[in-house]
């Protein structure tokens, strides 16, 4: 059985009476769907002779009372660390976004969805990588050595960047194999270097190594025949 709420309101016109009824409904049932409100016109009102005196318009408005939303309990462990960190960052940056967290036995993925999240991702993903590093460091302090890895993503950035890096890795491998010379890639974060290493680990013609010092550490693709 649906839980409905009804109010009766008056106004000089039917439109004013409906508006008054709608405001009263929203006061009694916050969050109701305005488009689902049903109106019954009891009286359209009537003006008196020569504009003196009038009978007000009268309407009855009815709507289903919205179900009370039960807030999800706050996440705990690594998920709680990631969610709290990202919600604070989103609030500080005044970004209109939502943080969702999913968990598996191996990792926790915290995803930010919303409008323009460029400021959260940063140039070449520097901001989002820093947030991921910070989330993992905080989880290590909170949970200990047995913590799961935390992945921080925003607007599908990880998938897009991974595809770009895998393509770059394959092209670099082809170049190294064809020329017999090493190919140095641009400086990358540890997260991105890992993607390149994984993409080429089974390639029989090349091998990879990381060189340089942070924050300018980069991947080198080497033809196997010249790596001895």
C-alpha atoms as a PDB file:
ATOM      1  CA  UNK A   1       0.000   0.000   0.000  1.00  0.00           C
ATOM      2  CA  UNK A   2       1.508   3.339  -1.067  1.00  0.00           C
ATOM      3  CA  UNK A   3       1.998   6.110   1.465  1.00  0.00           C
ATOM      4  CA  UNK A   4       0.373   9.216   0.017  1.00  0.00           C
ATOM      5  CA  UNK A   5       0.147  12.738   1.313  1.00  0.00           C
ATOM      6  CA  UNK A   6      -2.510  15.285   0.278  1.00  0.00           C
ATOM      7  CA  UNK A   7      -2.968  18.995   0.912  1.00  0.00           C
ATOM      8  CA  UNK A   8      -5.637  21.527   0.021  1.00  0.00           C
ATOM      9  CA  UNK A   9      -4.707  25.069  -0.921  1.00  0.00           C
ATOM     10  CA  UNK A  10      -6.301  28.230  -2.245  1.00  0.00           C
ATOM     11  CA  UNK A  11      -5.254  31.158  -4.407  1.00  0.00           C
ATOM     12  CA  UNK A  12      -6.593  33.953  -6.549  1.00  0.00           C
ATOM     13  CA  UNK A  13      -6.170  31.681  -9.579  1.00  0.00           C
ATOM     14  CA  UNK A  14      -5.928  27.934 -10.087  1.00  0.00           C
ATOM     15  CA  UNK A  15      -2.233  28.354 -10.919  1.00  0.00           C
ATOM     16  CA  UNK A  16      -1.533  30.173  -7.639  1.00  0.00           C
ATOM     17  CA  UNK A  17      -3.475  27.557  -5.696  1.00  0.00           C
ATOM     18  CA  UNK A  18      -1.463  24.753  -7.332  1.00  0.00           C
ATOM     19  CA  UNK A  19       1.815  26.520  -6.546  1.00  0.00           C
ATOM     20  CA  UNK A  20       0.795  26.994  -2.923  1.00  0.00           C
ATOM     21  CA  UNK A  21      -0.226  23.332  -2.647  1.00  0.00           C
ATOM     22  CA  UNK A  22       3.038  22.167  -4.193  1.00  0.00           C
ATOM     23  CA  UNK A  23       5.123  24.157  -1.710  1.00  0.00           C
ATOM     24  CA  UNK A  24       3.132  22.698   1.175  1.00  0.00           C
ATOM     25  CA  UNK A  25       3.595  19.168  -0.205  1.00  0.00           C
ATOM     26  CA  UNK A  26       7.354  19.685  -0.439  1.00  0.00           C
ATOM     27  CA  UNK A  27       7.383  20.867   3.167  1.00  0.00           C
ATOM     28  CA  UNK A  28       5.524  17.760   4.331  1.00  0.00           C
ATOM     29  CA  UNK A  29       7.349  15.304   2.036  1.00  0.00           C
ATOM     30  CA  UNK A  30      10.862  16.560   1.157  1.00  0.00           C
ATOM     31  CA  UNK A  31      12.325  15.044  -2.002  1.00  0.00           C
ATOM     32  CA  UNK A  32       9.021  14.257  -3.705  1.00  0.00           C
ATOM     33  CA  UNK A  33       8.836  14.032  -7.497  1.00  0.00           C
ATOM     34  CA  UNK A  34       7.120  17.225  -8.669  1.00  0.00           C
ATOM     35  CA  UNK A  35       6.138  15.633 -11.991  1.00  0.00           C
ATOM     36  CA  UNK A  36       4.206  12.918 -10.150  1.00  0.00           C
ATOM     37  CA  UNK A  37       1.990  15.310  -8.156  1.00  0.00           C
ATOM     38  CA  UNK A  38      -1.706  14.953  -8.982  1.00  0.00           C
ATOM     39  CA  UNK A  39      -3.994  17.997  -8.786  1.00  0.00           C
ATOM     40  CA  UNK A  40      -7.754  18.081  -8.379  1.00  0.00           C
ATOM     41  CA  UNK A  41      -9.406  21.442  -9.016  1.00  0.00           C
ATOM     42  CA  UNK A  42     -12.204  21.840  -6.493  1.00  0.00           C
ATOM     43  CA  UNK A  43     -13.109  25.400  -7.494  1.00  0.00           C
ATOM     44  CA  UNK A  44     -11.736  27.678 -10.187  1.00  0.00           C
ATOM     45  CA  UNK A  45     -12.630  30.750  -8.147  1.00  0.00           C
ATOM     46  CA  UNK A  46     -14.896  33.635  -9.028  1.00  0.00           C
ATOM     47  CA  UNK A  47     -14.387  37.374  -8.914  1.00  0.00           C
ATOM     48  CA  UNK A  48     -17.062  39.590  -7.399  1.00  0.00           C
ATOM     49  CA  UNK A  49     -19.070  42.275  -9.193  1.00  0.00           C
ATOM     50  CA  UNK A  50     -16.886  45.163 -10.390  1.00  0.00           C
ATOM     51  CA  UNK A  51     -13.853  43.398  -8.929  1.00  0.00           C
ATOM     52  CA  UNK A  52     -15.067  43.706  -5.351  1.00  0.00           C
ATOM     53  CA  UNK A  53     -14.722  40.468  -3.380  1.00  0.00           C
ATOM     54  CA  UNK A  54     -13.976  37.027  -4.856  1.00  0.00           C
ATOM     55  CA  UNK A  55     -14.218  33.319  -4.213  1.00  0.00           C
ATOM     56  CA  UNK A  56     -10.703  31.832  -4.172  1.00  0.00           C
ATOM     57  CA  UNK A  57      -9.666  28.977  -6.405  1.00  0.00           C
ATOM     58  CA  UNK A  58      -9.247  25.750  -4.463  1.00  0.00           C
ATOM     59  CA  UNK A  59      -7.209  22.654  -5.361  1.00  0.00           C
ATOM     60  CA  UNK A  60      -6.218  19.379  -3.742  1.00  0.00           C
ATOM     61  CA  UNK A  61      -2.701  18.100  -4.462  1.00  0.00           C
ATOM     62  CA  UNK A  62      -1.682  14.470  -3.849  1.00  0.00           C
ATOM     63  CA  UNK A  63       1.671  12.694  -4.155  1.00  0.00           C
ATOM     64  CA  UNK A  64       3.397   9.591  -2.915  1.00  0.00           C
ATOM     65  CA  UNK A  65       5.623  10.214   0.051  1.00  0.00           C
ATOM     66  CA  UNK A  66       9.250   9.438  -0.921  1.00  0.00           C
ATOM     67  CA  UNK A  67      10.830   6.435   0.732  1.00  0.00           C
ATOM     68  CA  UNK A  68      13.264   7.367   3.439  1.00  0.00           C
ATOM     69  CA  UNK A  69      16.804   6.857   2.256  1.00  0.00           C
ATOM     70  CA  UNK A  70      19.001   4.831   4.511  1.00  0.00           C
ATOM     71  CA  UNK A  71      22.575   6.038   4.414  1.00  0.00           C
ATOM     72  CA  UNK A  72      25.114   3.356   3.725  1.00  0.00           C
ATOM     73  CA  UNK A  73      27.420   2.694   6.656  1.00  0.00           C
ATOM     74  CA  UNK A  74      30.839   4.285   6.281  1.00  0.00           C
ATOM     75  CA  UNK A  75      33.387   2.047   4.626  1.00  0.00           C
ATOM     76  CA  UNK A  76      36.126   0.557   6.779  1.00  0.00           C
ATOM     77  CA  UNK A  77      39.749  -0.433   6.299  1.00  0.00           C
ATOM     78  CA  UNK A  78      41.402   0.432   2.992  1.00  0.00           C
ATOM     79  CA  UNK A  79      38.027   1.351   1.447  1.00  0.00           C
ATOM     80  CA  UNK A  80      37.309   3.787   4.261  1.00  0.00           C
ATOM     81  CA  UNK A  81      40.734   5.391   3.930  1.00  0.00           C
ATOM     82  CA  UNK A  82      40.337   5.891   0.175  1.00  0.00           C
ATOM     83  CA  UNK A  83      36.776   7.175   0.380  1.00  0.00           C
ATOM     84  CA  UNK A  84      37.462   9.661   3.161  1.00  0.00           C
ATOM     85  CA  UNK A  85      40.588  11.001   1.437  1.00  0.00           C
ATOM     86  CA  UNK A  86      38.907  11.487  -1.929  1.00  0.00           C
ATOM     87  CA  UNK A  87      35.753  13.028  -0.488  1.00  0.00           C
ATOM     88  CA  UNK A  88      37.881  15.576   1.352  1.00  0.00           C
ATOM     89  CA  UNK A  89      39.846  16.377  -1.803  1.00  0.00           C
ATOM     90  CA  UNK A  90      36.680  16.696  -3.914  1.00  0.00           C
ATOM     91  CA  UNK A  91      35.200  19.042  -1.304  1.00  0.00           C
ATOM     92  CA  UNK A  92      38.390  21.126  -1.049  1.00  0.00           C
ATOM     93  CA  UNK A  93      38.565  21.494  -4.842  1.00  0.00           C
ATOM     94  CA  UNK A  94      34.847  22.355  -4.967  1.00  0.00           C
ATOM     95  CA  UNK A  95      34.303  19.713  -7.647  1.00  0.00           C
ATOM     96  CA  UNK A  96      30.807  18.378  -8.319  1.00  0.00           C
ATOM     97  CA  UNK A  97      31.620  14.672  -8.114  1.00  0.00           C
ATOM     98  CA  UNK A  98      30.811  11.401  -6.389  1.00  0.00           C
ATOM     99  CA  UNK A  99      33.192   8.832  -4.891  1.00  0.00           C
ATOM    100  CA  UNK A 100      32.388   5.121  -5.314  1.00  0.00           C
ATOM    101  CA  UNK A 101      34.449   2.320  -3.819  1.00  0.00           C
ATOM    102  CA  UNK A 102      34.510  -1.337  -4.903  1.00  0.00           C
ATOM    103  CA  UNK A 103      36.482  -4.104  -3.231  1.00  0.00           C
ATOM    104  CA  UNK A 104      37.978  -7.469  -4.097  1.00  0.00           C
ATOM    105  CA  UNK A 105      40.345  -9.792  -2.262  1.00  0.00           C
ATOM    106  CA  UNK A 106      43.373  -8.204  -3.957  1.00  0.00           C
ATOM    107  CA  UNK A 107      42.545  -4.517  -4.291  1.00  0.00           C
ATOM    108  CA  UNK A 108      40.253  -1.598  -3.541  1.00  0.00           C
ATOM    109  CA  UNK A 109      39.212   0.643  -6.434  1.00  0.00           C
ATOM    110  CA  UNK A 110      38.059   4.176  -5.569  1.00  0.00           C
ATOM    111  CA  UNK A 111      36.431   5.890  -8.554  1.00  0.00           C
ATOM    112  CA  UNK A 112      35.501   9.559  -8.823  1.00  0.00           C
ATOM    113  CA  UNK A 113      32.736  10.420 -11.298  1.00  0.00           C
ATOM    114  CA  UNK A 114      31.368  13.845 -12.124  1.00  0.00           C
ATOM    115  CA  UNK A 115      31.826  16.837 -14.387  1.00  0.00           C
ATOM    116  CA  UNK A 116      35.209  18.302 -15.292  1.00  0.00           C
ATOM    117  CA  UNK A 117      37.704  16.240 -13.298  1.00  0.00           C
ATOM    118  CA  UNK A 118      40.817  17.526 -15.047  1.00  0.00           C
ATOM    119  CA  UNK A 119      42.021  19.262 -11.893  1.00  0.00           C
ATOM    120  CA  UNK A 120      41.733  15.965 -10.015  1.00  0.00           C
ATOM    121  CA  UNK A 121      43.689  14.053 -12.661  1.00  0.00           C
ATOM    122  CA  UNK A 122      46.409  16.633 -13.277  1.00  0.00           C
ATOM    123  CA  UNK A 123      48.971  16.841 -16.067  1.00  0.00           C
ATOM    124  CA  UNK A 124      49.907  13.339 -17.209  1.00  0.00           C
ATOM    125  CA  UNK A 125      47.957  12.022 -14.229  1.00  0.00           C
ATOM    126  CA  UNK A 126      50.357  13.492 -11.678  1.00  0.00           C
ATOM    127  CA  UNK A 127      47.577  14.563  -9.302  1.00  0.00           C
ATOM    128  CA  UNK A 128      45.660  11.305  -9.375  1.00  0.00           C
ATOM    129  CA  UNK A 129      48.866   9.291  -9.031  1.00  0.00           C
ATOM    130  CA  UNK A 130      49.824  11.387  -5.997  1.00  0.00           C
ATOM    131  CA  UNK A 131      46.404  10.754  -4.461  1.00  0.00           C
ATOM    132  CA  UNK A 132      46.787   7.030  -5.103  1.00  0.00           C
ATOM    133  CA  UNK A 133      50.224   7.026  -3.491  1.00  0.00           C
ATOM    134  CA  UNK A 134      48.871   8.951  -0.491  1.00  0.00           C
ATOM    135  CA  UNK A 135      45.885   6.631  -0.114  1.00  0.00           C
ATOM    136  CA  UNK A 136      48.160   3.576  -0.079  1.00  0.00           C
ATOM    137  CA  UNK A 137      50.522   5.202   2.430  1.00  0.00           C
ATOM    138  CA  UNK A 138      47.607   6.066   4.726  1.00  0.00           C
ATOM    139  CA  UNK A 139      46.194   2.549   4.405  1.00  0.00           C
ATOM    140  CA  UNK A 140      49.581   1.063   5.297  1.00  0.00           C
ATOM    141  CA  UNK A 141      49.623   3.161   8.454  1.00  0.00           C
ATOM    142  CA  UNK A 142      46.017   2.293   9.297  1.00  0.00           C
ATOM    143  CA  UNK A 143      45.773  -1.368   8.263  1.00  0.00           C
ATOM    144  CA  UNK A 144      49.376  -2.558   8.258  1.00  0.00           C
ATOM    145  CA  UNK A 145      51.473  -4.685   5.935  1.00  0.00           C
ATOM    146  CA  UNK A 146      48.550  -6.933   5.017  1.00  0.00           C
ATOM    147  CA  UNK A 147      46.696  -4.068   3.341  1.00  0.00           C
ATOM    148  CA  UNK A 148      45.219  -4.431  -0.136  1.00  0.00           C
ATOM    149  CA  UNK A 149      46.425  -2.211  -2.971  1.00  0.00           C
ATOM    150  CA  UNK A 150      44.308   0.913  -3.538  1.00  0.00           C
ATOM    151  CA  UNK A 151      43.653   2.117  -7.090  1.00  0.00           C
ATOM    152  CA  UNK A 152      42.338   5.655  -7.524  1.00  0.00           C
ATOM    153  CA  UNK A 153      40.547   6.439 -10.782  1.00  0.00           C
ATOM    154  CA  UNK A 154      38.574   9.386 -12.162  1.00  0.00           C
ATOM    155  CA  UNK A 155      36.334   9.631 -15.225  1.00  0.00           C
ATOM    156  CA  UNK A 156      37.834   6.444 -16.717  1.00  0.00           C
ATOM    157  CA  UNK A 157      41.343   7.955 -16.788  1.00  0.00           C
ATOM    158  CA  UNK A 158      43.154   4.739 -15.836  1.00  0.00           C
ATOM    159  CA  UNK A 159      41.710   2.738 -18.735  1.00  0.00           C
ATOM    160  CA  UNK A 160      42.420   5.484 -21.274  1.00  0.00           C
ATOM    161  CA  UNK A 161      45.958   6.060 -20.041  1.00  0.00           C
ATOM    162  CA  UNK A 162      46.700   2.319 -19.887  1.00  0.00           C
ATOM    163  CA  UNK A 163      45.616   1.905 -23.502  1.00  0.00           C
ATOM    164  CA  UNK A 164      47.838   4.832 -24.540  1.00  0.00           C
ATOM    165  CA  UNK A 165      50.859   3.468 -22.679  1.00  0.00           C
ATOM    166  CA  UNK A 166      50.394  -0.059 -24.024  1.00  0.00           C
ATOM    167  CA  UNK A 167      50.308   1.328 -27.568  1.00  0.00           C
ATOM    168  CA  UNK A 168      53.434   3.387 -26.855  1.00  0.00           C
ATOM    169  CA  UNK A 169      55.160   0.316 -25.403  1.00  0.00           C
ATOM    170  CA  UNK A 170      54.443  -1.797 -28.510  1.00  0.00           C
ATOM    171  CA  UNK A 171      55.640   0.914 -30.888  1.00  0.00           C
ATOM    172  CA  UNK A 172      58.809   1.421 -28.864  1.00  0.00           C
ATOM    173  CA  UNK A 173      59.438  -2.330 -28.891  1.00  0.00           C
ATOM    174  CA  UNK A 174      59.065  -2.420 -32.685  1.00  0.00           C
ATOM    175  CA  UNK A 175      61.484   0.497 -33.019  1.00  0.00           C
ATOM    176  CA  UNK A 176      64.070  -1.064 -30.701  1.00  0.00           C
ATOM    177  CA  UNK A 177      63.843  -4.407 -32.478  1.00  0.00           C
ATOM    178  CA  UNK A 178      64.068  -2.857 -35.953  1.00  0.00           C
ATOM    179  CA  UNK A 179      66.989  -0.499 -35.228  1.00  0.00           C
ATOM    180  CA  UNK A 180      68.847  -2.559 -32.646  1.00  0.00           C
ATOM    181  CA  UNK A 181      69.034   0.531 -30.442  1.00  0.00           C
ATOM    182  CA  UNK A 182      67.563   1.357 -27.062  1.00  0.00           C
ATOM    183  CA  UNK A 183      64.471   3.525 -26.907  1.00  0.00           C
ATOM    184  CA  UNK A 184      64.033   5.890 -23.979  1.00  0.00           C
ATOM    185  CA  UNK A 185      60.493   6.898 -23.023  1.00  0.00           C
ATOM    186  CA  UNK A 186      59.448  10.095 -21.276  1.00  0.00           C
ATOM    187  CA  UNK A 187      59.600  10.274 -17.458  1.00  0.00           C
ATOM    188  CA  UNK A 188      56.656   8.480 -15.867  1.00  0.00           C
ATOM    189  CA  UNK A 189      55.253   7.705 -12.470  1.00  0.00           C
ATOM    190  CA  UNK A 190      55.869   4.290 -10.926  1.00  0.00           C
ATOM    191  CA  UNK A 191      52.291   3.315 -11.794  1.00  0.00           C
ATOM    192  CA  UNK A 192      52.789   4.110 -15.475  1.00  0.00           C
ATOM    193  CA  UNK A 193      56.224   2.492 -15.668  1.00  0.00           C
ATOM    194  CA  UNK A 194      54.679  -0.701 -14.320  1.00  0.00           C
ATOM    195  CA  UNK A 195      52.122  -0.670 -17.155  1.00  0.00           C
ATOM    196  CA  UNK A 196      54.907  -0.462 -19.774  1.00  0.00           C
ATOM    197  CA  UNK A 197      56.943  -3.220 -18.111  1.00  0.00           C
ATOM    198  CA  UNK A 198      53.867  -5.497 -17.962  1.00  0.00           C
ATOM    199  CA  UNK A 199      52.955  -4.796 -21.591  1.00  0.00           C
ATOM    200  CA  UNK A 200      56.381  -5.973 -22.837  1.00  0.00           C
ATOM    201  CA  UNK A 201      57.365  -8.613 -20.297  1.00  0.00           C
ATOM    202  CA  UNK A 202      56.500 -11.485 -22.666  1.00  0.00           C
ATOM    203  CA  UNK A 203      57.965  -9.889 -25.801  1.00  0.00           C
ATOM    204  CA  UNK A 204      60.808 -12.199 -26.953  1.00  0.00           C
ATOM    205  CA  UNK A 205      62.651  -9.454 -28.846  1.00  0.00           C
ATOM    206  CA  UNK A 206      62.974  -6.747 -26.180  1.00  0.00           C
ATOM    207  CA  UNK A 207      63.374  -6.196 -22.489  1.00  0.00           C
ATOM    208  CA  UNK A 208      62.700  -3.164 -20.317  1.00  0.00           C
ATOM    209  CA  UNK A 209      64.427  -1.377 -17.475  1.00  0.00           C
ATOM    210  CA  UNK A 210      63.828   1.745 -15.426  1.00  0.00           C
ATOM    211  CA  UNK A 211      66.554   4.360 -15.217  1.00  0.00           C
ATOM    212  CA  UNK A 212      67.050   7.795 -13.700  1.00  0.00           C
ATOM    213  CA  UNK A 213      65.978   9.263 -10.385  1.00  0.00           C
ATOM    214  CA  UNK A 214      62.528  10.352  -9.259  1.00  0.00           C
ATOM    215  CA  UNK A 215      60.647  12.344 -10.355  1.00  0.00           C
ATOM    216  CA  UNK A 216      62.378  11.934 -13.734  1.00  0.00           C
ATOM    217  CA  UNK A 217      62.660   8.149 -13.731  1.00  0.00           C
ATOM    218  CA  UNK A 218      61.839   6.626 -17.125  1.00  0.00           C
ATOM    219  CA  UNK A 219      61.546   3.306 -18.960  1.00  0.00           C
ATOM    220  CA  UNK A 220      64.136   2.099 -21.465  1.00  0.00           C
ATOM    221  CA  UNK A 221      63.206  -0.495 -24.096  1.00  0.00           C
ATOM    222  CA  UNK A 222      66.238  -2.596 -25.135  1.00  0.00           C
ATOM    223  CA  UNK A 223      66.620  -5.099 -28.001  1.00  0.00           C
ATOM    224  CA  UNK A 224      67.560  -8.420 -26.417  1.00  0.00           C
ATOM    225  CA  UNK A 225      70.447  -9.092 -28.798  1.00  0.00           C
ATOM    226  CA  UNK A 226      72.260  -5.930 -27.613  1.00  0.00           C
ATOM    227  CA  UNK A 227      71.433  -6.310 -23.952  1.00  0.00           C
ATOM    228  CA  UNK A 228      74.174  -8.888 -23.273  1.00  0.00           C
END
